[in-house]
Amino acid sequence: MSTGQSVRAEQARWADQGLRRLAVLAAWAGLTVLQLGVALAYAGLGTWWHWLLHQLTGWGLGLAAAALVTAATGRRVPAVVALLVGQLLSIVPDLLFRYARMPHEPSMDLWLGHISLHTGPSPVLVSLGALLLGGWGWIASAYGRRLPATALGTGALVLVTAACLLARPVPERLADYPTGTEPLPGRVMNPR
């Protein structure tokens, strides 16, 4: 190969890498805009906390499932795929409510505990715990650590499942929803 051909080959390789990098940056920018759009849609409806709760849970359980799949099969699931699938599964009931006018009901717990998460113990801490355990599990699986990946991924699933099983019954009427900061019935806030 002559010097001129090797230079052209090197330039073509750099151009291919540059296009690949540009495509990756464009994909990340698109995902960021999509995430911002979803967050703003929830915020516009006054349900920012709802978005946060289901995003964290969806992301965490998506990463946990990816960690378990990787540990079981040895084939790594990309984090972005796991995050997006988890996110989509966590907000399906909200999409059904928004676009199909389907009211929320207890059977929607099949979508990653969508209903029971609200009335379970410490919903945001459970969701954050699921995200941390799932994320650590995915990282462990990415480094080929099957046992820690399995333990952490299973831990995220068990955490959310336990929170859903410990949840109070879903209120049936709007008047049954707690609206203030008063303690729930049967709980003592400051025993002295």
N, C-alpha and C. Protein backbone atom coordinates (compact mmCIF):
# COMPACT_ATOMS: atom_id res chain seq x y z
N MET A 1 0.85 -1.17 0.00
CA MET A 1 0.00 0.00 0.00
C MET A 1 0.90 1.23 0.00
N SER A 2 0.61 2.17 -0.86
CA SER A 2 1.44 3.38 -0.94
C SER A 2 1.08 4.34 0.18
N THR A 3 1.91 5.33 0.35
CA THR A 3 1.70 6.32 1.40
C THR A 3 0.40 7.07 1.17
N GLY A 4 0.10 7.41 -0.07
CA GLY A 4 -1.15 8.12 -0.38
C GLY A 4 -2.38 7.30 -0.05
N GLN A 5 -2.32 5.99 -0.33
CA GLN A 5 -3.46 5.12 -0.03
C GLN A 5 -3.63 4.96 1.48
N SER A 6 -2.54 4.82 2.21
CA SER A 6 -2.64 4.66 3.65
C SER A 6 -3.17 5.93 4.31
N VAL A 7 -2.79 7.08 3.79
CA VAL A 7 -3.32 8.34 4.33
C VAL A 7 -4.82 8.42 4.09
N ARG A 8 -5.25 8.07 2.86
CA ARG A 8 -6.68 8.10 2.56
C ARG A 8 -7.45 7.09 3.42
N ALA A 9 -6.88 5.92 3.63
CA ALA A 9 -7.52 4.91 4.48
C ALA A 9 -7.63 5.42 5.92
N GLU A 10 -6.59 6.07 6.40
CA GLU A 10 -6.60 6.62 7.76
C GLU A 10 -7.65 7.74 7.87
N GLN A 11 -7.73 8.59 6.86
CA GLN A 11 -8.73 9.66 6.85
C GLN A 11 -10.15 9.08 6.84
N ALA A 12 -10.37 8.03 6.07
CA ALA A 12 -11.69 7.39 6.00
C ALA A 12 -12.05 6.78 7.36
N ARG A 13 -11.04 6.17 8.01
CA ARG A 13 -11.30 5.58 9.33
C ARG A 13 -11.69 6.66 10.33
N TRP A 14 -10.97 7.79 10.30
CA TRP A 14 -11.29 8.89 11.20
C TRP A 14 -12.67 9.45 10.90
N ALA A 15 -13.04 9.54 9.64
CA ALA A 15 -14.36 10.04 9.26
C ALA A 15 -15.45 9.10 9.76
N ASP A 16 -15.23 7.77 9.63
CA ASP A 16 -16.20 6.80 10.14
C ASP A 16 -16.37 6.93 11.65
N GLN A 17 -15.26 7.06 12.36
CA GLN A 17 -15.33 7.22 13.81
C GLN A 17 -16.03 8.52 14.18
N GLY A 18 -15.75 9.57 13.42
CA GLY A 18 -16.40 10.86 13.68
C GLY A 18 -17.90 10.79 13.47
N LEU A 19 -18.33 10.10 12.41
CA LEU A 19 -19.76 9.94 12.16
C LEU A 19 -20.42 9.09 13.25
N ARG A 20 -19.70 8.05 13.68
CA ARG A 20 -20.23 7.21 14.75
C ARG A 20 -20.39 8.01 16.03
N ARG A 21 -19.38 8.80 16.35
CA ARG A 21 -19.45 9.64 17.56
C ARG A 21 -20.58 10.65 17.45
N LEU A 22 -20.74 11.25 16.27
CA LEU A 22 -21.82 12.20 16.05
C LEU A 22 -23.18 11.53 16.21
N ALA A 23 -23.32 10.31 15.72
CA ALA A 23 -24.58 9.58 15.85
C ALA A 23 -24.87 9.27 17.32
N VAL A 24 -23.85 8.88 18.06
CA VAL A 24 -24.03 8.59 19.48
C VAL A 24 -24.43 9.86 20.23
N LEU A 25 -23.76 10.96 19.94
CA LEU A 25 -24.12 12.24 20.58
C LEU A 25 -25.53 12.65 20.23
N ALA A 26 -25.93 12.48 18.97
CA ALA A 26 -27.29 12.82 18.55
C ALA A 26 -28.31 11.94 19.27
N ALA A 27 -28.01 10.66 19.43
CA ALA A 27 -28.92 9.76 20.14
C ALA A 27 -29.07 10.17 21.60
N TRP A 28 -27.94 10.49 22.24
CA TRP A 28 -28.01 10.94 23.64
C TRP A 28 -28.77 12.25 23.76
N ALA A 29 -28.55 13.16 22.83
CA ALA A 29 -29.28 14.43 22.85
C ALA A 29 -30.78 14.18 22.67
N GLY A 30 -31.13 13.28 21.77
CA GLY A 30 -32.54 12.94 21.57
C GLY A 30 -33.16 12.33 22.81
N LEU A 31 -32.44 11.41 23.45
CA LEU A 31 -32.94 10.81 24.69
C LEU A 31 -33.10 11.85 25.79
N THR A 32 -32.15 12.77 25.87
CA THR A 32 -32.24 13.82 26.88
C THR A 32 -33.46 14.70 26.64
N VAL A 33 -33.69 15.07 25.40
CA VAL A 33 -34.87 15.88 25.07
C VAL A 33 -36.15 15.10 25.37
N LEU A 34 -36.17 13.82 25.05
CA LEU A 34 -37.33 12.98 25.35
C LEU A 34 -37.59 12.93 26.85
N GLN A 35 -36.53 12.71 27.63
CA GLN A 35 -36.69 12.65 29.08
C GLN A 35 -37.18 13.99 29.63
N LEU A 36 -36.64 15.07 29.12
CA LEU A 36 -37.09 16.39 29.54
C LEU A 36 -38.56 16.60 29.19
N GLY A 37 -38.96 16.16 28.01
CA GLY A 37 -40.36 16.27 27.60
C GLY A 37 -41.28 15.49 28.51
N VAL A 38 -40.89 14.27 28.87
CA VAL A 38 -41.71 13.46 29.78
C VAL A 38 -41.80 14.14 31.14
N ALA A 39 -40.67 14.60 31.65
CA ALA A 39 -40.66 15.27 32.96
C ALA A 39 -41.53 16.52 32.94
N LEU A 40 -41.43 17.32 31.88
CA LEU A 40 -42.24 18.54 31.79
C LEU A 40 -43.72 18.22 31.65
N ALA A 41 -44.05 17.12 30.97
CA ALA A 41 -45.46 16.72 30.85
C ALA A 41 -46.03 16.39 32.23
N TYR A 42 -45.26 15.65 33.03
CA TYR A 42 -45.71 15.35 34.39
C TYR A 42 -45.79 16.63 35.22
N ALA A 43 -44.78 17.48 35.12
CA ALA A 43 -44.76 18.72 35.90
C ALA A 43 -45.93 19.62 35.51
N GLY A 44 -46.26 19.65 34.23
CA GLY A 44 -47.39 20.46 33.77
C GLY A 44 -48.71 20.01 34.36
N LEU A 45 -48.80 18.75 34.71
CA LEU A 45 -50.02 18.23 35.33
C LEU A 45 -49.95 18.29 36.86
N GLY A 46 -48.85 18.82 37.39
CA GLY A 46 -48.69 18.93 38.84
C GLY A 46 -48.33 17.60 39.49
N THR A 47 -47.75 16.69 38.74
CA THR A 47 -47.44 15.37 39.29
C THR A 47 -45.95 15.06 39.17
N TRP A 48 -45.11 16.04 39.45
CA TRP A 48 -43.67 15.86 39.38
C TRP A 48 -43.22 14.70 40.26
N TRP A 49 -43.75 14.60 41.50
CA TRP A 49 -43.38 13.53 42.42
C TRP A 49 -43.72 12.17 41.84
N HIS A 50 -44.81 12.10 41.10
CA HIS A 50 -45.26 10.86 40.47
C HIS A 50 -44.24 10.43 39.41
N TRP A 51 -43.76 11.37 38.63
CA TRP A 51 -42.74 11.09 37.62
C TRP A 51 -41.48 10.56 38.30
N LEU A 52 -41.06 11.25 39.35
CA LEU A 52 -39.83 10.85 40.05
C LEU A 52 -39.96 9.43 40.60
N LEU A 53 -41.07 9.14 41.23
CA LEU A 53 -41.28 7.83 41.83
C LEU A 53 -41.20 6.72 40.79
N HIS A 54 -41.90 6.89 39.69
CA HIS A 54 -41.96 5.82 38.69
C HIS A 54 -40.70 5.77 37.82
N GLN A 55 -40.05 6.89 37.59
CA GLN A 55 -38.80 6.87 36.83
C GLN A 55 -37.73 6.12 37.59
N LEU A 56 -37.54 6.46 38.85
CA LEU A 56 -36.51 5.80 39.65
C LEU A 56 -36.77 4.30 39.73
N THR A 57 -38.03 3.93 39.97
CA THR A 57 -38.36 2.51 40.06
C THR A 57 -38.16 1.82 38.72
N GLY A 58 -38.64 2.42 37.64
CA GLY A 58 -38.48 1.82 36.32
C GLY A 58 -37.03 1.66 35.92
N TRP A 59 -36.26 2.71 36.13
CA TRP A 59 -34.84 2.64 35.80
C TRP A 59 -34.15 1.56 36.63
N GLY A 60 -34.44 1.54 37.94
CA GLY A 60 -33.79 0.56 38.81
C GLY A 60 -34.15 -0.87 38.46
N LEU A 61 -35.43 -1.13 38.22
CA LEU A 61 -35.83 -2.50 37.89
C LEU A 61 -35.39 -2.89 36.49
N GLY A 62 -35.31 -1.93 35.58
CA GLY A 62 -34.77 -2.21 34.25
C GLY A 62 -33.31 -2.63 34.32
N LEU A 63 -32.53 -1.89 35.11
CA LEU A 63 -31.11 -2.25 35.29
C LEU A 63 -30.96 -3.56 36.04
N ALA A 64 -31.84 -3.80 37.02
CA ALA A 64 -31.79 -5.06 37.76
C ALA A 64 -32.08 -6.24 36.84
N ALA A 65 -33.10 -6.11 36.00
CA ALA A 65 -33.42 -7.18 35.06
C ALA A 65 -32.27 -7.40 34.08
N ALA A 66 -31.66 -6.31 33.63
CA ALA A 66 -30.51 -6.43 32.71
C ALA A 66 -29.35 -7.14 33.40
N ALA A 67 -29.12 -6.83 34.67
CA ALA A 67 -28.05 -7.50 35.42
C ALA A 67 -28.33 -8.99 35.54
N LEU A 68 -29.58 -9.35 35.81
CA LEU A 68 -29.92 -10.76 35.94
C LEU A 68 -29.82 -11.50 34.60
N VAL A 69 -30.25 -10.84 33.53
CA VAL A 69 -30.13 -11.45 32.20
C VAL A 69 -28.66 -11.66 31.85
N THR A 70 -27.84 -10.66 32.12
CA THR A 70 -26.41 -10.77 31.82
C THR A 70 -25.76 -11.86 32.66
N ALA A 71 -26.12 -11.92 33.94
CA ALA A 71 -25.54 -12.95 34.81
C ALA A 71 -25.96 -14.34 34.37
N ALA A 72 -27.19 -14.48 33.88
CA ALA A 72 -27.69 -15.80 33.49
C ALA A 72 -27.18 -16.24 32.12
N THR A 73 -27.09 -15.31 31.19
CA THR A 73 -26.76 -15.69 29.81
C THR A 73 -25.35 -15.33 29.39
N GLY A 74 -24.74 -14.38 30.08
CA GLY A 74 -23.41 -13.92 29.69
C GLY A 74 -23.45 -12.86 28.60
N ARG A 75 -24.64 -12.54 28.10
CA ARG A 75 -24.78 -11.51 27.06
C ARG A 75 -25.21 -10.20 27.72
N ARG A 76 -24.39 -9.17 27.59
CA ARG A 76 -24.64 -7.90 28.26
C ARG A 76 -25.79 -7.15 27.60
N VAL A 77 -26.68 -6.63 28.42
CA VAL A 77 -27.77 -5.79 27.96
C VAL A 77 -27.32 -4.34 28.13
N PRO A 78 -27.35 -3.53 27.07
CA PRO A 78 -26.92 -2.13 27.20
C PRO A 78 -27.74 -1.37 28.23
N ALA A 79 -27.08 -0.51 28.98
CA ALA A 79 -27.75 0.24 30.04
C ALA A 79 -28.88 1.10 29.48
N VAL A 80 -28.68 1.72 28.34
CA VAL A 80 -29.71 2.59 27.78
C VAL A 80 -30.97 1.80 27.47
N VAL A 81 -30.81 0.61 26.94
CA VAL A 81 -31.96 -0.25 26.64
C VAL A 81 -32.68 -0.60 27.94
N ALA A 82 -31.93 -1.00 28.95
CA ALA A 82 -32.52 -1.37 30.24
C ALA A 82 -33.26 -0.18 30.86
N LEU A 83 -32.66 1.00 30.81
CA LEU A 83 -33.29 2.20 31.37
C LEU A 83 -34.59 2.53 30.65
N LEU A 84 -34.56 2.50 29.32
CA LEU A 84 -35.75 2.87 28.55
C LEU A 84 -36.87 1.85 28.69
N VAL A 85 -36.53 0.56 28.69
CA VAL A 85 -37.57 -0.46 28.87
C VAL A 85 -38.17 -0.35 30.26
N GLY A 86 -37.33 -0.19 31.28
CA GLY A 86 -37.84 -0.02 32.64
C GLY A 86 -38.72 1.21 32.77
N GLN A 87 -38.28 2.30 32.16
CA GLN A 87 -39.07 3.54 32.21
C GLN A 87 -40.42 3.34 31.54
N LEU A 88 -40.41 2.74 30.37
CA LEU A 88 -41.67 2.54 29.66
C LEU A 88 -42.62 1.64 30.46
N LEU A 89 -42.09 0.55 31.02
CA LEU A 89 -42.94 -0.33 31.80
C LEU A 89 -43.51 0.36 33.04
N SER A 90 -42.74 1.28 33.61
CA SER A 90 -43.21 1.95 34.82
C SER A 90 -44.27 3.01 34.55
N ILE A 91 -44.34 3.55 33.34
CA ILE A 91 -45.31 4.61 33.09
C ILE A 91 -46.46 4.19 32.18
N VAL A 92 -46.55 2.91 31.84
CA VAL A 92 -47.66 2.45 31.00
C VAL A 92 -49.02 2.84 31.59
N PRO A 93 -49.28 2.63 32.91
CA PRO A 93 -50.59 3.04 33.43
C PRO A 93 -50.86 4.54 33.26
N ASP A 94 -49.82 5.36 33.37
CA ASP A 94 -50.01 6.80 33.18
C ASP A 94 -50.32 7.12 31.71
N LEU A 95 -49.67 6.40 30.81
CA LEU A 95 -49.98 6.59 29.39
C LEU A 95 -51.40 6.15 29.08
N LEU A 96 -51.83 5.03 29.68
CA LEU A 96 -53.21 4.57 29.50
C LEU A 96 -54.20 5.59 30.06
N PHE A 97 -53.87 6.15 31.21
CA PHE A 97 -54.74 7.16 31.82
C PHE A 97 -54.82 8.42 30.96
N ARG A 98 -53.67 8.85 30.48
CA ARG A 98 -53.60 10.10 29.72
C ARG A 98 -54.23 10.00 28.34
N TYR A 99 -53.95 8.89 27.64
CA TYR A 99 -54.36 8.82 26.24
C TYR A 99 -55.55 7.90 25.98
N ALA A 100 -55.82 6.94 26.87
CA ALA A 100 -56.96 6.06 26.68
C ALA A 100 -58.04 6.31 27.74
N ARG A 101 -57.80 7.29 28.60
CA ARG A 101 -58.74 7.65 29.68
C ARG A 101 -59.09 6.48 30.58
N MET A 102 -58.13 5.56 30.75
CA MET A 102 -58.34 4.41 31.62
C MET A 102 -57.94 4.79 33.04
N PRO A 103 -58.86 4.72 34.00
CA PRO A 103 -58.52 5.11 35.37
C PRO A 103 -57.54 4.12 36.00
N HIS A 104 -56.79 4.62 36.97
CA HIS A 104 -55.85 3.75 37.69
C HIS A 104 -56.66 2.76 38.54
N GLU A 105 -56.18 1.53 38.58
CA GLU A 105 -56.84 0.50 39.37
C GLU A 105 -55.77 -0.44 39.92
N PRO A 106 -56.10 -1.21 40.97
CA PRO A 106 -55.09 -2.06 41.59
C PRO A 106 -54.41 -3.05 40.65
N SER A 107 -55.08 -3.49 39.60
CA SER A 107 -54.44 -4.44 38.68
C SER A 107 -53.25 -3.83 37.96
N MET A 108 -53.12 -2.52 38.00
CA MET A 108 -51.99 -1.87 37.35
C MET A 108 -50.68 -2.07 38.12
N ASP A 109 -50.76 -2.76 39.25
CA ASP A 109 -49.53 -3.13 39.96
C ASP A 109 -48.68 -4.08 39.14
N LEU A 110 -49.27 -4.70 38.13
CA LEU A 110 -48.48 -5.56 37.24
C LEU A 110 -47.41 -4.75 36.52
N TRP A 111 -47.60 -3.45 36.41
CA TRP A 111 -46.62 -2.57 35.76
C TRP A 111 -45.68 -2.04 36.82
N LEU A 112 -44.82 -2.89 37.33
CA LEU A 112 -43.75 -2.55 38.29
C LEU A 112 -44.30 -1.89 39.56
N GLY A 113 -45.40 -2.41 40.07
CA GLY A 113 -45.95 -1.91 41.33
C GLY A 113 -46.48 -0.50 41.24
N HIS A 114 -47.03 -0.14 40.10
CA HIS A 114 -47.41 1.25 39.82
C HIS A 114 -48.34 1.85 40.87
N ILE A 115 -49.28 1.09 41.38
CA ILE A 115 -50.25 1.63 42.33
C ILE A 115 -49.75 1.50 43.77
N SER A 116 -49.29 0.31 44.15
CA SER A 116 -48.90 0.07 45.55
C SER A 116 -47.68 0.86 45.98
N LEU A 117 -46.83 1.25 45.03
CA LEU A 117 -45.67 2.05 45.41
C LEU A 117 -46.07 3.32 46.16
N HIS A 118 -47.21 3.88 45.81
CA HIS A 118 -47.65 5.13 46.42
C HIS A 118 -48.00 4.96 47.89
N THR A 119 -48.55 3.81 48.26
CA THR A 119 -49.02 3.62 49.63
C THR A 119 -48.10 2.69 50.42
N GLY A 120 -47.00 2.29 49.85
CA GLY A 120 -46.04 1.44 50.55
C GLY A 120 -45.16 2.27 51.47
N PRO A 121 -44.30 1.60 52.22
CA PRO A 121 -43.42 2.32 53.13
C PRO A 121 -42.34 3.12 52.37
N SER A 122 -42.19 4.36 52.71
CA SER A 122 -41.16 5.25 52.15
C SER A 122 -41.00 5.10 50.64
N PRO A 123 -42.00 5.50 49.85
CA PRO A 123 -41.97 5.24 48.41
C PRO A 123 -40.73 5.77 47.69
N VAL A 124 -40.30 6.97 48.01
CA VAL A 124 -39.15 7.52 47.29
C VAL A 124 -37.87 6.80 47.69
N LEU A 125 -37.74 6.44 48.97
CA LEU A 125 -36.55 5.69 49.40
C LEU A 125 -36.52 4.30 48.77
N VAL A 126 -37.68 3.67 48.65
CA VAL A 126 -37.74 2.36 47.99
C VAL A 126 -37.33 2.50 46.53
N SER A 127 -37.83 3.53 45.86
CA SER A 127 -37.49 3.74 44.45
C SER A 127 -36.00 4.05 44.28
N LEU A 128 -35.47 4.89 45.15
CA LEU A 128 -34.04 5.21 45.08
C LEU A 128 -33.20 3.97 45.38
N GLY A 129 -33.64 3.17 46.36
CA GLY A 129 -32.94 1.93 46.67
C GLY A 129 -32.95 0.97 45.49
N ALA A 130 -34.08 0.89 44.80
CA ALA A 130 -34.17 0.02 43.61
C ALA A 130 -33.21 0.50 42.53
N LEU A 131 -33.13 1.82 42.35
CA LEU A 131 -32.22 2.37 41.34
C LEU A 131 -30.76 2.07 41.71
N LEU A 132 -30.40 2.27 42.95
CA LEU A 132 -29.02 2.02 43.37
C LEU A 132 -28.67 0.54 43.27
N LEU A 133 -29.54 -0.33 43.77
CA LEU A 133 -29.25 -1.76 43.70
C LEU A 133 -29.20 -2.25 42.25
N GLY A 134 -30.17 -1.81 41.44
CA GLY A 134 -30.19 -2.20 40.03
C GLY A 134 -28.98 -1.67 39.28
N GLY A 135 -28.61 -0.42 39.55
CA GLY A 135 -27.44 0.17 38.90
C GLY A 135 -26.15 -0.53 39.28
N TRP A 136 -25.99 -0.81 40.57
CA TRP A 136 -24.80 -1.53 41.01
C TRP A 136 -24.79 -2.94 40.43
N GLY A 137 -25.96 -3.55 40.35
CA GLY A 137 -26.05 -4.89 39.76
C GLY A 137 -25.64 -4.87 38.29
N TRP A 138 -26.08 -3.84 37.57
CA TRP A 138 -25.72 -3.74 36.15
C TRP A 138 -24.20 -3.54 36.01
N ILE A 139 -23.63 -2.68 36.85
CA ILE A 139 -22.18 -2.45 36.80
C ILE A 139 -21.43 -3.75 37.10
N ALA A 140 -21.89 -4.48 38.12
CA ALA A 140 -21.24 -5.76 38.44
C ALA A 140 -21.33 -6.72 37.26
N SER A 141 -22.48 -6.75 36.61
CA SER A 141 -22.63 -7.66 35.46
C SER A 141 -21.76 -7.22 34.29
N ALA A 142 -21.59 -5.91 34.12
CA ALA A 142 -20.74 -5.41 33.04
C ALA A 142 -19.28 -5.81 33.25
N TYR A 143 -18.89 -5.99 34.50
CA TYR A 143 -17.52 -6.42 34.80
C TYR A 143 -17.41 -7.94 34.94
N GLY A 144 -18.49 -8.64 34.60
CA GLY A 144 -18.45 -10.11 34.63
C GLY A 144 -18.57 -10.72 36.01
N ARG A 145 -19.02 -9.97 36.97
CA ARG A 145 -19.17 -10.47 38.35
C ARG A 145 -20.60 -11.01 38.51
N ARG A 146 -20.79 -12.28 38.18
CA ARG A 146 -22.13 -12.85 38.13
C ARG A 146 -22.81 -12.92 39.50
N LEU A 147 -22.11 -13.34 40.52
CA LEU A 147 -22.73 -13.49 41.84
C LEU A 147 -23.18 -12.15 42.41
N PRO A 148 -22.30 -11.12 42.45
CA PRO A 148 -22.79 -9.82 42.94
C PRO A 148 -23.90 -9.25 42.05
N ALA A 149 -23.81 -9.45 40.75
CA ALA A 149 -24.86 -8.94 39.85
C ALA A 149 -26.19 -9.60 40.17
N THR A 150 -26.16 -10.90 40.39
CA THR A 150 -27.39 -11.62 40.72
C THR A 150 -27.95 -11.17 42.06
N ALA A 151 -27.08 -11.02 43.05
CA ALA A 151 -27.52 -10.60 44.38
C ALA A 151 -28.11 -9.20 44.35
N LEU A 152 -27.43 -8.27 43.69
CA LEU A 152 -27.91 -6.89 43.65
C LEU A 152 -29.19 -6.76 42.81
N GLY A 153 -29.23 -7.43 41.66
CA GLY A 153 -30.44 -7.38 40.83
C GLY A 153 -31.63 -7.97 41.55
N THR A 154 -31.41 -9.11 42.21
CA THR A 154 -32.49 -9.73 42.98
C THR A 154 -32.90 -8.84 44.15
N GLY A 155 -31.92 -8.19 44.77
CA GLY A 155 -32.22 -7.28 45.88
C GLY A 155 -33.15 -6.15 45.47
N ALA A 156 -32.93 -5.58 44.28
CA ALA A 156 -33.81 -4.51 43.79
C ALA A 156 -35.22 -5.03 43.59
N LEU A 157 -35.34 -6.21 43.00
CA LEU A 157 -36.67 -6.78 42.77
C LEU A 157 -37.37 -7.11 44.09
N VAL A 158 -36.62 -7.66 45.04
CA VAL A 158 -37.19 -8.00 46.35
C VAL A 158 -37.62 -6.75 47.10
N LEU A 159 -36.81 -5.70 47.03
CA LEU A 159 -37.13 -4.44 47.71
C LEU A 159 -38.47 -3.88 47.23
N VAL A 160 -38.64 -3.78 45.93
CA VAL A 160 -39.89 -3.22 45.39
C VAL A 160 -41.07 -4.16 45.67
N THR A 161 -40.85 -5.46 45.54
CA THR A 161 -41.93 -6.42 45.82
C THR A 161 -42.35 -6.34 47.28
N ALA A 162 -41.40 -6.28 48.20
CA ALA A 162 -41.72 -6.18 49.63
C ALA A 162 -42.47 -4.89 49.93
N ALA A 163 -42.06 -3.79 49.32
CA ALA A 163 -42.76 -2.52 49.54
C ALA A 163 -44.20 -2.60 49.04
N CYS A 164 -44.40 -3.25 47.91
CA CYS A 164 -45.76 -3.39 47.38
C CYS A 164 -46.61 -4.30 48.27
N LEU A 165 -46.01 -5.35 48.81
CA LEU A 165 -46.75 -6.27 49.68
C LEU A 165 -47.09 -5.61 51.02
N LEU A 166 -46.25 -4.67 51.46
CA LEU A 166 -46.50 -3.97 52.73
C LEU A 166 -47.36 -2.73 52.56
N ALA A 167 -47.77 -2.43 51.37
CA ALA A 167 -48.54 -1.21 51.09
C ALA A 167 -49.91 -1.26 51.74
N ARG A 168 -50.37 -0.10 52.14
CA ARG A 168 -51.74 0.04 52.63
C ARG A 168 -52.69 -0.14 51.45
N PRO A 169 -53.94 -0.49 51.73
CA PRO A 169 -54.89 -0.62 50.62
C PRO A 169 -55.01 0.69 49.85
N VAL A 170 -55.25 0.56 48.57
CA VAL A 170 -55.39 1.73 47.72
C VAL A 170 -56.72 2.41 48.06
N PRO A 171 -56.70 3.73 48.31
CA PRO A 171 -57.96 4.42 48.59
C PRO A 171 -58.93 4.29 47.42
N GLU A 172 -60.21 4.12 47.75
CA GLU A 172 -61.22 3.96 46.71
C GLU A 172 -61.91 5.27 46.37
N ARG A 173 -61.86 6.23 47.30
CA ARG A 173 -62.50 7.53 47.06
C ARG A 173 -61.45 8.62 47.22
N LEU A 174 -61.66 9.73 46.58
CA LEU A 174 -60.72 10.85 46.67
C LEU A 174 -60.59 11.32 48.11
N ALA A 175 -61.67 11.27 48.87
CA ALA A 175 -61.64 11.72 50.26
C ALA A 175 -60.76 10.83 51.13
N ASP A 176 -60.46 9.61 50.67
CA ASP A 176 -59.63 8.69 51.45
C ASP A 176 -58.14 8.96 51.32
N TYR A 177 -57.75 9.77 50.33
CA TYR A 177 -56.34 10.07 50.14
C TYR A 177 -55.86 11.04 51.21
N PRO A 178 -54.70 10.80 51.81
CA PRO A 178 -54.17 11.78 52.77
C PRO A 178 -53.77 13.05 52.01
N THR A 179 -54.16 14.19 52.55
CA THR A 179 -53.88 15.45 51.86
C THR A 179 -52.92 16.35 52.62
N GLY A 180 -52.75 16.11 53.89
CA GLY A 180 -51.89 16.99 54.67
C GLY A 180 -50.69 16.24 55.21
N THR A 181 -50.14 16.80 56.27
CA THR A 181 -48.96 16.18 56.89
C THR A 181 -49.34 15.46 58.18
N GLU A 182 -50.64 15.32 58.43
CA GLU A 182 -51.06 14.63 59.65
C GLU A 182 -50.66 13.16 59.57
N PRO A 183 -50.40 12.54 60.73
CA PRO A 183 -49.99 11.14 60.71
C PRO A 183 -51.13 10.25 60.22
N LEU A 184 -50.76 9.13 59.66
CA LEU A 184 -51.77 8.17 59.21
C LEU A 184 -52.46 7.57 60.42
N PRO A 185 -53.69 7.14 60.28
CA PRO A 185 -54.41 6.53 61.42
C PRO A 185 -53.64 5.34 61.97
N GLY A 186 -53.58 5.29 63.31
CA GLY A 186 -52.92 4.17 63.95
C GLY A 186 -51.41 4.36 64.15
N ARG A 187 -50.88 5.48 63.75
CA ARG A 187 -49.44 5.72 63.92
C ARG A 187 -49.24 6.90 64.87
N VAL A 188 -48.31 6.76 65.77
CA VAL A 188 -48.00 7.80 66.73
C VAL A 188 -46.71 8.48 66.27
N MET A 189 -46.74 9.81 66.12
CA MET A 189 -45.59 10.52 65.60
C MET A 189 -44.54 10.80 66.68
N ASN A 190 -44.94 11.33 67.85
CA ASN A 190 -44.01 11.70 68.90
C ASN A 190 -44.41 11.04 70.22
N PRO A 191 -44.09 9.79 70.41
CA PRO A 191 -44.44 9.17 71.69
C PRO A 191 -43.52 9.68 72.79
N ARG A 192 -44.09 10.20 73.87
CA ARG A 192 -43.27 10.73 74.98
C ARG A 192 -43.72 10.15 76.27
